[in-house]
Protein backbone atom coordinates (compact mmCIF):
# COMPACT_ATOMS: atom_id res chain seq x y z
CA MET A 1 11.77 -45.59 -4.15
CA LEU A 2 8.93 -45.66 -2.42
CA LYS A 3 8.60 -48.84 -1.58
CA ASN A 4 12.67 -49.20 -0.60
CA LEU A 5 12.04 -46.72 1.50
CA VAL A 6 8.86 -47.50 3.89
CA PHE A 7 7.45 -50.71 1.94
CA ARG A 8 10.46 -53.05 2.93
CA PRO A 9 11.07 -51.31 5.98
CA LEU A 10 7.90 -51.63 7.56
CA GLY A 11 8.51 -55.30 7.19
CA VAL A 12 10.90 -55.69 9.90
CA LEU A 13 9.50 -52.14 12.03
CA ALA A 14 5.98 -54.01 12.26
CA PHE A 15 5.87 -55.97 15.31
CA PRO A 16 9.44 -53.81 17.53
CA LEU A 17 6.66 -51.22 16.73
CA PHE A 18 3.28 -52.85 18.11
CA GLN A 19 5.72 -54.17 21.17
CA PHE A 20 6.56 -50.85 21.70
CA LEU A 21 2.79 -49.25 21.63
CA PHE A 22 1.94 -51.88 23.56
CA LEU A 23 4.32 -51.83 26.57
CA ARG A 24 4.11 -48.33 26.00
CA PHE A 25 -0.16 -48.81 27.01
CA PHE A 26 0.48 -51.48 29.53
CA CYS A 27 3.07 -49.17 31.58
CA ARG A 28 1.45 -45.75 31.38
CA ASP A 29 -2.43 -46.98 30.97
CA PHE A 30 -2.75 -49.80 33.08
CA LEU A 31 -0.16 -49.90 35.63
CA GLY A 32 0.56 -46.04 36.10
CA LEU A 33 3.78 -45.62 35.56
CA ARG A 34 4.43 -42.43 33.84
CA ILE A 35 7.09 -42.66 30.49
CA GLY A 36 9.08 -39.33 29.36
CA TYR A 37 11.82 -36.65 29.40
CA PRO A 38 12.10 -33.20 30.41
CA GLY A 39 10.01 -31.48 27.58
CA MET A 40 8.96 -34.09 25.87
CA THR A 41 7.62 -38.04 25.16
CA ASP A 42 8.71 -41.29 24.64
CA TYR A 43 6.42 -41.09 21.08
CA ASP A 44 8.45 -37.72 20.35
CA PHE A 45 11.11 -40.52 19.25
CA VAL A 46 8.65 -42.73 17.81
CA LEU A 47 8.63 -40.99 14.30
CA PRO A 48 12.50 -40.30 13.90
CA CYS A 49 13.35 -42.89 15.11
CA LEU A 50 10.76 -44.56 12.57
CA ILE A 51 12.91 -42.83 9.56
CA ALA A 52 16.15 -42.96 10.56
CA PHE A 53 15.91 -46.59 10.74
CA ALA A 54 14.05 -46.47 7.24
CA VAL A 55 16.70 -44.21 5.54
CA PHE A 56 19.29 -46.77 7.02
CA PHE A 57 17.78 -50.33 5.87
CA TYR A 58 17.28 -48.11 2.54
CA VAL A 59 21.23 -48.06 2.60
CA LEU A 60 21.90 -51.86 3.17
CA ASP A 61 19.32 -52.70 0.95
CA ARG A 62 19.80 -51.37 -2.18
CA GLU A 63 23.47 -52.25 -1.72
CA LYS A 64 22.50 -55.84 -0.51
CA LYS A 65 19.30 -56.98 -0.72
CA VAL A 66 17.80 -58.58 2.41
CA VAL A 67 16.64 -61.79 2.34
CA PHE A 68 13.49 -62.27 4.87
CA SER A 69 13.43 -65.18 7.06
CA PHE A 70 11.95 -66.43 10.04
CA GLN A 71 14.30 -66.38 12.84
CA PHE A 72 13.58 -68.73 15.88
CA ARG A 73 16.53 -68.18 18.38
CA ALA A 74 15.54 -64.21 17.63
CA THR A 75 11.83 -64.71 18.69
CA LEU A 76 12.79 -66.69 21.38
CA LEU A 77 15.15 -64.00 22.70
CA ASN A 78 12.74 -61.54 22.70
CA GLY A 79 9.72 -63.49 23.84
CA ALA A 80 12.04 -63.82 27.30
CA LEU A 81 13.58 -60.69 27.20
CA PHE A 82 9.69 -59.51 26.98
CA LEU A 83 8.37 -61.61 29.26
CA VAL A 84 11.42 -60.38 32.04
CA PHE A 85 10.81 -56.71 31.38
CA LEU A 86 6.35 -57.80 32.11
CA MET A 87 7.84 -58.53 35.45
CA GLY A 88 9.99 -55.62 36.29
CA CYS A 89 7.06 -53.48 36.20
CA PHE A 90 4.54 -55.38 37.59
CA PHE A 91 6.85 -55.56 40.71
CA TYR A 92 8.72 -52.36 40.38
CA LEU A 93 7.97 -51.02 43.84
CA HIS A 94 9.81 -53.64 45.46
CA LEU A 95 12.49 -53.49 42.73
CA ILE A 96 13.11 -49.90 43.19
CA SER A 97 12.99 -50.41 47.31
CA LEU A 98 15.66 -52.80 46.58
CA LEU A 99 17.83 -51.47 43.73
CA GLY A 100 17.28 -47.95 43.82
CA GLU A 101 18.28 -45.30 41.53
CA GLY A 102 19.51 -48.58 39.23
CA TYR A 103 16.28 -49.81 38.99
CA PHE A 104 15.75 -47.03 36.50
CA TRP A 105 19.36 -48.10 34.53
CA ILE A 106 18.23 -51.51 33.98
CA TRP A 107 14.27 -50.59 33.44
CA THR A 108 14.54 -48.66 29.83
CA ALA A 109 18.51 -50.66 29.28
CA LEU A 110 15.44 -54.11 29.07
CA ALA A 111 12.89 -51.61 27.63
CA ILE A 112 15.38 -50.56 25.20
CA ALA A 113 16.95 -54.20 24.37
CA THR A 114 13.21 -55.64 24.10
CA ILE A 115 11.97 -53.22 21.35
CA PHE A 116 16.07 -53.75 19.77
CA SER A 117 15.35 -57.32 19.51
CA GLY A 118 12.25 -57.35 18.00
CA LEU A 119 13.96 -55.71 14.56
CA PHE A 120 15.28 -59.46 13.95
CA LEU A 121 12.79 -61.91 13.89
CA MET A 122 12.48 -61.63 10.02
CA VAL A 123 15.56 -60.54 9.52
CA SER A 124 18.80 -62.08 10.99
CA PRO A 125 21.51 -59.67 12.83
CA ARG A 126 24.10 -61.32 10.89
CA TYR A 127 23.64 -59.27 8.26
CA PHE A 128 23.49 -56.02 9.51
CA TRP A 129 26.85 -56.75 11.80
CA THR A 130 28.28 -58.57 8.20
CA HIS A 131 27.34 -55.30 6.28
CA PRO A 132 30.09 -53.58 4.34
CA ASN A 133 27.64 -50.01 5.13
CA ARG A 134 26.67 -50.95 8.69
CA TRP A 135 28.52 -47.96 10.17
CA MET A 136 26.25 -46.19 8.98
CA VAL A 137 24.70 -47.13 11.65
CA LEU A 138 26.01 -43.87 13.22
CA PRO A 139 24.45 -41.16 11.81
CA ALA A 140 21.49 -42.80 11.72
CA VAL A 141 21.35 -42.38 15.46
CA PHE A 142 22.06 -38.70 15.22
CA ILE A 143 18.86 -38.41 12.71
CA GLY A 144 16.28 -40.83 15.61
CA LEU A 145 18.02 -38.19 18.80
CA SER A 146 17.49 -35.56 15.87
CA LYS A 147 15.18 -33.90 18.30
CA ILE A 148 17.60 -34.18 21.48
CA LEU A 149 20.47 -33.47 19.64
CA GLY A 150 19.44 -30.34 17.53
CA ARG A 151 18.53 -28.23 21.02
CA HIS A 152 22.52 -28.51 21.84
CA VAL A 153 23.71 -27.93 18.59
CA PHE A 154 20.99 -24.95 17.56
CA ASP A 155 20.70 -23.88 21.07
CA VAL A 156 21.71 -19.99 19.56
CA TRP A 157 19.97 -20.53 17.48
CA TRP A 158 16.22 -21.34 19.39
CA LYS A 159 15.16 -17.91 20.58
CA PRO A 160 15.60 -16.19 17.16
CA ALA A 161 14.24 -18.81 15.46
CA ALA A 162 10.94 -18.82 16.74
CA GLU A 163 10.12 -15.11 16.47
CA TRP A 164 10.89 -15.29 13.08
CA THR A 165 8.37 -18.41 12.90
CA ALA A 166 6.12 -17.27 14.56
CA LYS A 167 6.16 -13.80 12.47
CA ALA A 168 6.19 -15.56 9.10
CA ALA A 169 3.19 -17.39 10.22
CA PHE A 170 1.54 -14.65 11.09
CA ALA A 171 2.21 -12.59 7.84
CA ILE A 172 0.62 -15.77 6.34
CA LEU A 173 -2.48 -15.67 8.34
CA SER A 174 -2.84 -12.27 8.85
CA PHE A 175 -3.08 -12.03 4.46
CA PHE A 176 -6.23 -13.97 5.10
CA SER A 177 -7.84 -12.37 8.01
CA ALA A 178 -7.46 -9.00 10.05
CA ALA A 179 -8.24 -10.95 13.69
CA PHE A 180 -5.35 -12.69 14.30
CA GLU A 181 -2.89 -10.92 16.99
CA LEU A 182 0.89 -11.70 16.90
CA ARG A 183 2.87 -11.42 21.18
CA LEU A 184 6.31 -12.20 20.92
CA ASN A 185 8.35 -13.28 23.32
CA GLN A 186 5.53 -14.15 26.07
CA VAL A 187 6.56 -15.97 29.40
CA PHE A 188 3.93 -19.25 30.77
CA GLY A 189 4.92 -21.52 33.41
CA GLY A 190 8.66 -20.19 32.92
CA GLU A 191 9.09 -21.14 29.59
CA LEU A 192 9.71 -18.61 26.40
CA TRP A 193 6.29 -18.62 23.82
CA GLN A 194 6.07 -16.75 20.40
CA VAL A 195 1.64 -16.34 21.00
CA ILE A 196 -0.13 -16.12 17.68
CA SER A 197 -3.88 -15.52 18.48
CA HIS A 198 -7.92 -15.42 17.38
CA PRO A 199 -10.66 -14.94 18.30
CA GLY A 200 -11.46 -19.19 18.00
CA HIS A 201 -7.72 -20.14 18.41
CA GLN A 202 -4.96 -19.09 20.15
CA VAL A 203 -1.46 -21.03 19.02
CA ALA A 204 1.36 -20.48 21.55
CA ILE A 205 4.88 -21.46 19.90
CA GLY A 206 7.91 -22.56 21.87
CA LEU A 207 11.31 -22.81 21.51
CA GLY A 208 11.23 -26.68 19.95
CA CYS A 209 8.10 -25.43 17.39
CA SER A 210 11.29 -22.74 15.85
CA GLY A 211 11.83 -25.61 12.70
CA LEU A 212 15.14 -26.21 14.28
CA GLU A 213 14.36 -29.83 14.84
CA GLY A 214 13.51 -30.62 11.33
CA ILE A 215 16.67 -28.73 9.92
CA PHE A 216 18.79 -30.73 12.15
CA PHE A 217 16.67 -33.27 10.75
CA PHE A 218 17.43 -32.75 7.15
CA LEU A 219 21.18 -32.03 7.76
CA THR A 220 21.90 -35.22 9.39
CA THR A 221 19.77 -37.59 6.63
CA GLY A 222 21.45 -35.20 4.07
CA VAL A 223 24.98 -35.45 4.86
CA LEU A 224 25.15 -39.91 5.39
CA LEU A 225 22.31 -39.42 1.76
CA LEU A 226 25.45 -37.83 0.29
CA MET A 227 28.42 -40.44 2.14
CA VAL A 228 27.18 -42.78 0.57
CA PHE A 229 25.61 -41.89 -2.57
CA GLY A 230 26.92 -38.59 -3.49
CA LYS A 231 29.64 -39.28 -4.99
CA GLN A 232 28.06 -38.02 -7.92
CA PHE A 233 28.23 -33.94 -6.81
CA ARG A 234 30.39 -31.34 -7.42
CA SER A 235 31.06 -29.12 -4.11
CA SER A 236 29.41 -27.21 -5.22
CA ASP A 237 26.54 -29.23 -5.46
CA ARG A 238 27.06 -30.89 -2.34
CA VAL A 239 26.66 -27.37 -0.27
CA LEU A 240 22.83 -26.26 -2.50
CA PHE A 241 21.11 -29.67 -1.34
CA LEU A 242 22.06 -28.94 2.05
CA ALA A 243 21.27 -25.62 2.10
CA LEU A 244 17.87 -24.91 -0.31
CA GLY A 245 17.14 -28.11 1.61
CA SER A 246 17.14 -26.85 5.29
CA ILE A 247 16.05 -23.59 4.41
CA GLY A 248 12.76 -25.78 3.36
CA MET A 249 12.14 -27.67 6.30
CA PHE A 250 12.16 -24.33 8.79
CA TRP A 251 9.49 -23.24 6.02
CA LEU A 252 7.91 -26.14 6.54
CA ASN A 253 7.43 -25.95 9.90
CA ILE A 254 5.88 -22.44 9.27
CA VAL A 255 3.74 -23.90 7.30
CA ARG A 256 2.80 -26.08 10.10
CA ILE A 257 2.34 -23.15 12.36
CA VAL A 258 -0.01 -22.11 9.94
CA LEU A 259 -2.38 -25.45 9.21
CA ILE A 260 -2.36 -25.96 13.10
CA ASP A 261 -3.93 -22.14 13.61
CA ALA A 262 -6.14 -23.41 10.44
CA ALA A 263 -7.50 -26.42 11.73
CA GLY A 264 -7.81 -25.31 15.22
CA ILE A 265 -10.20 -22.25 13.26
CA PHE A 266 -12.16 -24.85 11.36
CA LEU A 267 -12.51 -27.28 14.89
CA THR A 268 -14.04 -25.09 16.99
CA ARG A 269 -17.54 -23.42 14.36
CA TRP A 270 -18.53 -27.46 16.19
CA THR A 271 -17.60 -27.52 19.00
CA THR A 272 -14.99 -26.17 22.46
CA PRO A 273 -11.88 -23.72 21.72
CA GLU A 274 -10.77 -26.40 24.57
CA THR A 275 -12.22 -29.75 22.48
CA ALA A 276 -10.60 -28.42 19.26
CA ALA A 277 -7.01 -27.56 20.69
CA GLN A 278 -6.64 -31.04 22.29
CA ILE A 279 -8.01 -32.11 18.59
CA VAL A 280 -5.31 -30.16 16.93
CA ALA A 281 -2.57 -31.52 19.42
CA VAL A 282 -2.76 -34.56 19.28
CA PHE A 283 -3.59 -36.20 15.05
CA VAL A 284 -2.37 -32.26 14.13
CA HIS A 285 0.53 -30.94 16.43
CA ASN A 286 2.61 -34.35 17.71
CA GLY A 287 2.87 -36.22 13.98
CA ALA A 288 2.47 -34.03 11.68
CA GLY A 289 5.42 -32.07 11.66
CA TRP A 290 7.64 -35.20 11.07
CA LEU A 291 4.70 -36.46 8.25
CA LEU A 292 5.60 -33.24 6.66
CA TYR A 293 9.33 -33.62 7.13
CA ALA A 294 9.82 -37.63 5.73
CA GLY A 295 7.13 -36.50 2.99
CA PHE A 296 9.62 -33.49 2.07
CA LEU A 297 12.50 -35.56 2.12
CA ILE A 298 11.52 -37.69 -0.18
CA ALA A 299 10.06 -35.18 -2.63
CA TYR A 300 12.78 -33.42 -2.24
CA VAL A 301 16.00 -36.59 -3.06
CA LYS A 302 13.43 -36.84 -6.06
CA ALA A 303 13.44 -33.55 -7.72
CA TRP A 304 17.96 -33.68 -7.39
CA GLY A 305 17.92 -36.86 -9.15
CA TYR A 306 15.54 -35.60 -11.35
CA LEU A 307 18.21 -32.01 -11.61
CA LEU A 308 21.00 -34.78 -11.47
CA VAL A 309 20.60 -37.55 -13.99
CA ARG A 310 20.47 -34.72 -16.64
CA ARG A 311 22.76 -33.69 -16.58
CA PRO A 312 25.35 -34.58 -19.36
CA SER A 313 28.41 -35.28 -17.14
CA LEU A 314 26.57 -36.84 -14.88
CA LYS A 315 24.41 -39.43 -16.85
CA THR A 316 25.38 -42.71 -13.80
CA GLU A 317 23.12 -43.62 -11.62
CA VAL A 318 22.18 -41.93 -8.55
CA VAL A 319 20.12 -42.62 -5.82
CA TYR A 320 17.75 -39.76 -6.42
CA GLY A 321 16.40 -41.02 -9.65
CA VAL A 322 15.84 -44.68 -8.15
């Protein structure tokens, strides 16, 4: 399963991922263009979109194996879009004065088209649009945008979830040291934060750290898997699968918060609190959650497969036993 869910999709994703990182460096660091959205940056979409495509590709590849072959016309199209995008970035001041706000939409569409066309350098586009499970691209899009959509779907629950997360993480940390202090509903910069402080490090848990993004990611991914491979599930199994997975995701985020605080305290032994906070933000905070979510999802699916294939009435093959 790991090969089909990770390594085969990487054969398609490697080039567009490299292209995205190059274009981001070119725009942000070389030209000084700021990219992002309120409360998040484009990096926040990388891991969710990678996971979304891996799941989508796995569903298609399992039904009909992908044959990798170099696509000359797709490569020419990608190269042309890439050059046009670079030129648009070099002369963006002139284009903004000419096109006004319309340039932003053209620039965004061109960036997406460039990276998207890179998906077809080794796989024919025909494979995707003639595949019987091509409609699975819709739930995959929900997975990729789960960071944004989750904030709207669970809007009412953000504040209590952040408080529950902070209290649970504080309880775990307090078990190891009495030096931790919890301060709920602190306002900094016009935003609400739950603060866990320690003489060596401080963690501020915002609404985005409440764990609801992981739950929404799991629900969208779980529903997709159940739609394709869950025919052997009983109705109660489906509910249990989604409920237990959501609970697991919530507690996994709490573990992530504990690890962030522990890593910050550990690093302050060798460096300043400010440097430790920067290291934790880059290497632990930004990507650790999604890597934990992906690892949990694979392990959770495998565990269900182990249980289901041993049920006497469900001896037929299911995805979870792959």
